[in-house]
């Protein structure tokens, strides 16, 4: 068995939620996971690394809006989601950070 070291600094939690994102224009995405540092999105539309936008999501009844910068885009290979998009959450307020932390604890 191979021992794989986790490289992320912050734990992530899988999400099943309705998401709206603008990166930089309206792009329909599915939120796969979230941490206080970033998100993993799936989309049938490609975006470019470096683009900025806004992520709006409802986390267990709590609306969350935060700025997002695309860090990487890779082909996902699945018919339902052609692209995997890794994004960093930027300019996060303490309030938003606490919302995500509370979500992570459930």
N, C-alpha and C. Protein backbone atom coordinates (compact mmCIF):
# COMPACT_ATOMS: atom_id res chain seq x y z
N UNK A 1 0.84 -1.17 0.00
CA UNK A 1 0.00 0.00 0.00
C UNK A 1 0.89 1.24 0.00
N UNK A 2 0.52 2.24 -0.79
CA UNK A 2 1.30 3.47 -0.89
C UNK A 2 0.75 4.49 0.10
N UNK A 3 1.64 5.09 0.87
CA UNK A 3 1.27 6.13 1.81
C UNK A 3 1.34 7.48 1.10
N UNK A 4 0.20 8.13 0.94
CA UNK A 4 0.14 9.42 0.24
C UNK A 4 -0.03 10.53 1.26
N UNK A 5 0.86 11.50 1.23
CA UNK A 5 0.83 12.63 2.15
C UNK A 5 -0.13 13.70 1.61
N UNK A 6 -1.06 14.14 2.43
CA UNK A 6 -1.98 15.22 2.04
C UNK A 6 -1.20 16.53 1.99
N UNK A 7 -1.31 17.26 0.86
CA UNK A 7 -0.56 18.50 0.69
C UNK A 7 -1.35 19.73 1.09
N UNK A 8 -2.65 19.61 1.24
CA UNK A 8 -3.45 20.78 1.59
C UNK A 8 -3.19 21.22 3.02
N UNK A 9 -3.14 22.52 3.21
CA UNK A 9 -2.94 23.07 4.56
C UNK A 9 -4.22 23.06 5.37
N UNK A 10 -5.37 23.07 4.69
CA UNK A 10 -6.66 23.13 5.37
C UNK A 10 -7.50 21.93 4.95
N UNK A 11 -8.19 21.30 5.90
CA UNK A 11 -9.06 20.18 5.53
C UNK A 11 -10.21 20.66 4.66
N UNK A 12 -10.71 19.77 3.81
CA UNK A 12 -11.83 20.11 2.94
C UNK A 12 -13.01 19.22 3.29
N UNK A 13 -14.19 19.71 2.95
CA UNK A 13 -15.40 18.94 3.17
C UNK A 13 -16.18 18.85 1.87
N UNK A 14 -16.63 17.65 1.52
CA UNK A 14 -17.45 17.47 0.33
C UNK A 14 -18.76 18.20 0.50
N UNK A 15 -19.28 18.72 -0.62
CA UNK A 15 -20.50 19.53 -0.59
C UNK A 15 -21.44 19.05 -1.68
N UNK A 16 -22.72 19.04 -1.35
CA UNK A 16 -23.75 18.87 -2.37
C UNK A 16 -24.70 20.06 -2.18
N UNK A 17 -24.55 21.05 -3.04
CA UNK A 17 -25.33 22.29 -2.89
C UNK A 17 -25.51 22.95 -4.24
N UNK A 18 -26.56 23.76 -4.34
CA UNK A 18 -26.76 24.58 -5.53
C UNK A 18 -25.78 25.75 -5.47
N UNK A 19 -25.12 26.01 -6.58
CA UNK A 19 -24.08 27.02 -6.61
C UNK A 19 -24.26 27.92 -7.81
N UNK A 20 -24.02 29.20 -7.61
CA UNK A 20 -23.95 30.15 -8.72
C UNK A 20 -22.57 30.77 -8.67
N UNK A 21 -21.91 30.86 -9.80
CA UNK A 21 -20.59 31.47 -9.83
C UNK A 21 -20.48 32.37 -11.05
N UNK A 22 -19.71 33.42 -10.90
CA UNK A 22 -19.36 34.26 -12.04
C UNK A 22 -17.84 34.29 -12.09
N UNK A 23 -17.30 33.72 -13.14
CA UNK A 23 -15.84 33.57 -13.24
C UNK A 23 -15.38 33.85 -14.66
N UNK A 24 -15.32 35.02 -15.20
CA UNK A 24 -15.82 36.30 -14.72
C UNK A 24 -17.28 36.53 -15.10
N UNK A 25 -17.82 35.76 -16.04
CA UNK A 25 -19.24 35.87 -16.37
C UNK A 25 -19.95 34.64 -15.85
N UNK A 26 -21.27 34.61 -15.93
CA UNK A 26 -22.03 33.48 -15.40
C UNK A 26 -21.55 32.14 -15.93
N UNK A 27 -21.08 31.30 -15.05
CA UNK A 27 -20.64 29.95 -15.38
C UNK A 27 -21.34 29.01 -14.41
N UNK A 28 -22.09 28.06 -14.93
CA UNK A 28 -22.75 27.09 -14.06
C UNK A 28 -21.71 26.08 -13.58
N UNK A 29 -21.67 25.92 -12.27
CA UNK A 29 -20.71 24.99 -11.68
C UNK A 29 -21.40 24.15 -10.62
N UNK A 30 -20.73 23.07 -10.26
CA UNK A 30 -21.14 22.26 -9.12
C UNK A 30 -20.01 22.31 -8.11
N UNK A 31 -20.33 22.65 -6.88
CA UNK A 31 -19.33 22.72 -5.81
C UNK A 31 -19.08 21.31 -5.30
N UNK A 32 -17.83 20.85 -5.43
CA UNK A 32 -17.47 19.50 -4.99
C UNK A 32 -16.97 19.47 -3.56
N UNK A 33 -16.09 20.43 -3.22
CA UNK A 33 -15.63 20.54 -1.84
C UNK A 33 -15.19 21.96 -1.54
N UNK A 34 -15.07 22.23 -0.23
CA UNK A 34 -14.74 23.58 0.22
C UNK A 34 -13.88 23.51 1.47
N UNK A 35 -13.01 24.49 1.63
CA UNK A 35 -12.23 24.68 2.85
C UNK A 35 -12.16 26.19 3.10
N UNK A 36 -11.53 26.60 4.18
CA UNK A 36 -11.40 28.03 4.43
C UNK A 36 -10.44 28.69 3.44
N UNK A 37 -9.72 27.90 2.66
CA UNK A 37 -8.78 28.46 1.70
C UNK A 37 -9.26 28.40 0.26
N UNK A 38 -10.11 27.41 -0.07
CA UNK A 38 -10.47 27.28 -1.46
C UNK A 38 -11.61 26.31 -1.71
N UNK A 39 -11.86 26.11 -3.01
CA UNK A 39 -12.95 25.24 -3.45
C UNK A 39 -12.50 24.40 -4.63
N UNK A 40 -13.21 23.30 -4.83
CA UNK A 40 -13.07 22.51 -6.04
C UNK A 40 -14.43 22.51 -6.70
N UNK A 41 -14.47 22.96 -7.96
CA UNK A 41 -15.70 23.08 -8.73
C UNK A 41 -15.65 22.15 -9.93
N UNK A 42 -16.82 21.77 -10.42
CA UNK A 42 -16.93 21.02 -11.67
C UNK A 42 -17.83 21.82 -12.60
N UNK A 43 -17.46 21.88 -13.88
CA UNK A 43 -18.24 22.64 -14.84
C UNK A 43 -18.08 22.07 -16.24
N UNK A 44 -19.11 22.27 -17.05
CA UNK A 44 -19.01 21.88 -18.46
C UNK A 44 -18.35 22.99 -19.27
N UNK A 45 -18.12 24.15 -18.64
CA UNK A 45 -17.49 25.29 -19.30
C UNK A 45 -16.09 25.49 -18.73
N UNK A 46 -15.15 25.80 -19.59
CA UNK A 46 -13.79 26.07 -19.14
C UNK A 46 -13.63 27.56 -18.80
N UNK A 47 -12.74 27.84 -17.88
CA UNK A 47 -12.33 29.21 -17.55
C UNK A 47 -10.81 29.20 -17.54
N UNK A 48 -10.20 30.37 -17.43
CA UNK A 48 -8.74 30.45 -17.43
C UNK A 48 -8.21 30.65 -16.02
N UNK A 49 -7.09 30.01 -15.73
CA UNK A 49 -6.42 30.24 -14.45
C UNK A 49 -6.11 31.72 -14.33
N UNK A 50 -6.32 32.27 -13.15
CA UNK A 50 -6.08 33.69 -12.91
C UNK A 50 -7.35 34.53 -12.95
N UNK A 51 -8.39 34.02 -13.62
CA UNK A 51 -9.64 34.78 -13.67
C UNK A 51 -10.24 34.88 -12.27
N UNK A 52 -10.92 36.00 -12.04
CA UNK A 52 -11.57 36.22 -10.74
C UNK A 52 -13.06 36.31 -10.95
N UNK A 53 -13.77 35.98 -9.90
CA UNK A 53 -15.22 36.04 -9.96
C UNK A 53 -15.80 35.97 -8.57
N UNK A 54 -17.06 35.64 -8.51
CA UNK A 54 -17.78 35.58 -7.23
C UNK A 54 -18.47 34.22 -7.13
N UNK A 55 -18.35 33.62 -5.98
CA UNK A 55 -18.99 32.34 -5.70
C UNK A 55 -20.14 32.60 -4.73
N UNK A 56 -21.33 32.14 -5.08
CA UNK A 56 -22.50 32.25 -4.21
C UNK A 56 -23.02 30.84 -3.99
N UNK A 57 -23.15 30.45 -2.73
CA UNK A 57 -23.58 29.09 -2.40
C UNK A 57 -24.40 29.13 -1.12
N UNK A 58 -25.28 28.15 -0.99
CA UNK A 58 -26.08 27.99 0.21
C UNK A 58 -25.52 26.77 0.94
N UNK A 59 -24.85 27.01 2.07
CA UNK A 59 -24.27 25.92 2.86
C UNK A 59 -25.21 25.58 4.00
N UNK A 60 -25.96 24.50 3.83
CA UNK A 60 -26.89 24.03 4.85
C UNK A 60 -27.79 25.15 5.36
N UNK A 61 -28.38 25.91 4.43
CA UNK A 61 -29.32 26.95 4.80
C UNK A 61 -28.72 28.32 5.03
N UNK A 62 -27.40 28.43 4.99
CA UNK A 62 -26.74 29.71 5.20
C UNK A 62 -26.15 30.21 3.89
N UNK A 63 -26.64 31.36 3.38
CA UNK A 63 -26.07 31.88 2.13
C UNK A 63 -24.65 32.40 2.35
N UNK A 64 -23.81 32.12 1.38
CA UNK A 64 -22.39 32.52 1.44
C UNK A 64 -22.01 33.12 0.10
N UNK A 65 -21.39 34.29 0.11
CA UNK A 65 -20.85 34.90 -1.10
C UNK A 65 -19.42 35.31 -0.81
N UNK A 66 -18.52 34.93 -1.72
CA UNK A 66 -17.11 35.22 -1.51
C UNK A 66 -16.42 35.36 -2.87
N UNK A 67 -15.38 36.18 -2.89
CA UNK A 67 -14.59 36.34 -4.11
C UNK A 67 -13.75 35.10 -4.34
N UNK A 68 -13.53 34.77 -5.60
CA UNK A 68 -12.84 33.56 -5.99
C UNK A 68 -11.82 33.88 -7.08
N UNK A 69 -10.64 33.27 -6.98
CA UNK A 69 -9.66 33.36 -8.05
C UNK A 69 -9.35 31.94 -8.52
N UNK A 70 -9.48 31.72 -9.82
CA UNK A 70 -9.21 30.41 -10.39
C UNK A 70 -7.71 30.15 -10.35
N UNK A 71 -7.32 29.03 -9.76
CA UNK A 71 -5.91 28.65 -9.65
C UNK A 71 -5.51 27.62 -10.70
N UNK A 72 -6.44 26.68 -10.99
CA UNK A 72 -6.12 25.66 -11.99
C UNK A 72 -7.39 25.15 -12.63
N UNK A 73 -7.27 24.72 -13.88
CA UNK A 73 -8.38 24.13 -14.62
C UNK A 73 -7.82 22.89 -15.31
N UNK A 74 -8.46 21.76 -15.08
CA UNK A 74 -8.02 20.52 -15.71
C UNK A 74 -9.22 19.79 -16.30
N UNK A 75 -9.01 19.09 -17.42
CA UNK A 75 -10.10 18.29 -17.98
C UNK A 75 -10.49 17.20 -16.98
N UNK A 76 -11.79 17.06 -16.72
CA UNK A 76 -12.26 16.07 -15.75
C UNK A 76 -12.50 14.71 -16.39
N UNK A 77 -12.83 14.72 -17.67
CA UNK A 77 -13.02 13.46 -18.37
C UNK A 77 -14.39 12.83 -18.18
N UNK A 78 -15.25 13.39 -17.35
CA UNK A 78 -16.59 12.84 -17.15
C UNK A 78 -17.57 13.61 -18.01
N UNK A 79 -18.58 12.94 -18.50
CA UNK A 79 -19.54 13.58 -19.40
C UNK A 79 -20.31 14.71 -18.70
N UNK A 80 -20.63 14.55 -17.42
CA UNK A 80 -21.43 15.55 -16.72
C UNK A 80 -20.62 16.79 -16.35
N UNK A 81 -19.33 16.64 -16.20
CA UNK A 81 -18.48 17.77 -15.82
C UNK A 81 -17.18 17.67 -16.59
N UNK A 82 -17.03 18.48 -17.61
CA UNK A 82 -15.86 18.39 -18.46
C UNK A 82 -14.60 18.99 -17.84
N UNK A 83 -14.75 19.88 -16.86
CA UNK A 83 -13.60 20.57 -16.27
C UNK A 83 -13.65 20.54 -14.75
N UNK A 84 -12.50 20.37 -14.16
CA UNK A 84 -12.31 20.48 -12.72
C UNK A 84 -11.61 21.81 -12.48
N UNK A 85 -12.20 22.65 -11.62
CA UNK A 85 -11.69 24.01 -11.41
C UNK A 85 -11.32 24.17 -9.94
N UNK A 86 -10.06 24.42 -9.68
CA UNK A 86 -9.60 24.70 -8.32
C UNK A 86 -9.53 26.20 -8.13
N UNK A 87 -10.15 26.69 -7.06
CA UNK A 87 -10.17 28.13 -6.83
C UNK A 87 -9.78 28.49 -5.42
N UNK A 88 -9.14 29.64 -5.28
CA UNK A 88 -8.77 30.18 -3.97
C UNK A 88 -9.81 31.22 -3.57
N UNK A 89 -10.20 31.20 -2.31
CA UNK A 89 -11.11 32.22 -1.78
C UNK A 89 -10.27 33.41 -1.36
N UNK A 90 -10.58 34.57 -1.91
CA UNK A 90 -9.76 35.76 -1.65
C UNK A 90 -10.61 36.86 -1.01
N UNK A 91 -9.95 37.70 -0.22
CA UNK A 91 -10.64 38.81 0.42
C UNK A 91 -11.74 38.38 1.37
N UNK A 92 -11.55 37.24 2.00
CA UNK A 92 -12.57 36.70 2.87
C UNK A 92 -12.69 37.48 4.18
N UNK A 93 -13.92 37.78 4.58
CA UNK A 93 -14.15 38.45 5.85
C UNK A 93 -14.12 37.42 6.98
N UNK A 94 -13.99 37.90 8.20
CA UNK A 94 -14.03 37.00 9.36
C UNK A 94 -15.37 36.29 9.43
N UNK A 95 -16.44 36.99 9.08
CA UNK A 95 -17.78 36.39 9.10
C UNK A 95 -17.85 35.18 8.16
N UNK A 96 -17.38 35.34 6.92
CA UNK A 96 -17.40 34.25 5.94
C UNK A 96 -16.52 33.10 6.42
N UNK A 97 -15.35 33.41 6.97
CA UNK A 97 -14.45 32.38 7.48
C UNK A 97 -15.14 31.56 8.57
N UNK A 98 -15.84 32.23 9.48
CA UNK A 98 -16.55 31.53 10.55
C UNK A 98 -17.67 30.65 9.99
N UNK A 99 -18.38 31.12 8.96
CA UNK A 99 -19.43 30.32 8.34
C UNK A 99 -18.86 29.02 7.77
N UNK A 100 -17.74 29.14 7.07
CA UNK A 100 -17.11 27.95 6.49
C UNK A 100 -16.59 27.03 7.58
N UNK A 101 -15.95 27.58 8.60
CA UNK A 101 -15.45 26.76 9.71
C UNK A 101 -16.60 26.01 10.39
N UNK A 102 -17.71 26.69 10.61
CA UNK A 102 -18.87 26.04 11.24
C UNK A 102 -19.39 24.91 10.35
N UNK A 103 -19.45 25.16 9.04
CA UNK A 103 -19.88 24.13 8.09
C UNK A 103 -18.93 22.93 8.14
N UNK A 104 -17.64 23.18 8.25
CA UNK A 104 -16.64 22.11 8.27
C UNK A 104 -16.80 21.21 9.50
N UNK A 105 -17.32 21.74 10.59
CA UNK A 105 -17.42 20.99 11.84
C UNK A 105 -18.61 20.02 11.85
N UNK A 106 -19.58 20.20 10.97
CA UNK A 106 -20.76 19.33 10.95
C UNK A 106 -20.50 18.05 10.22
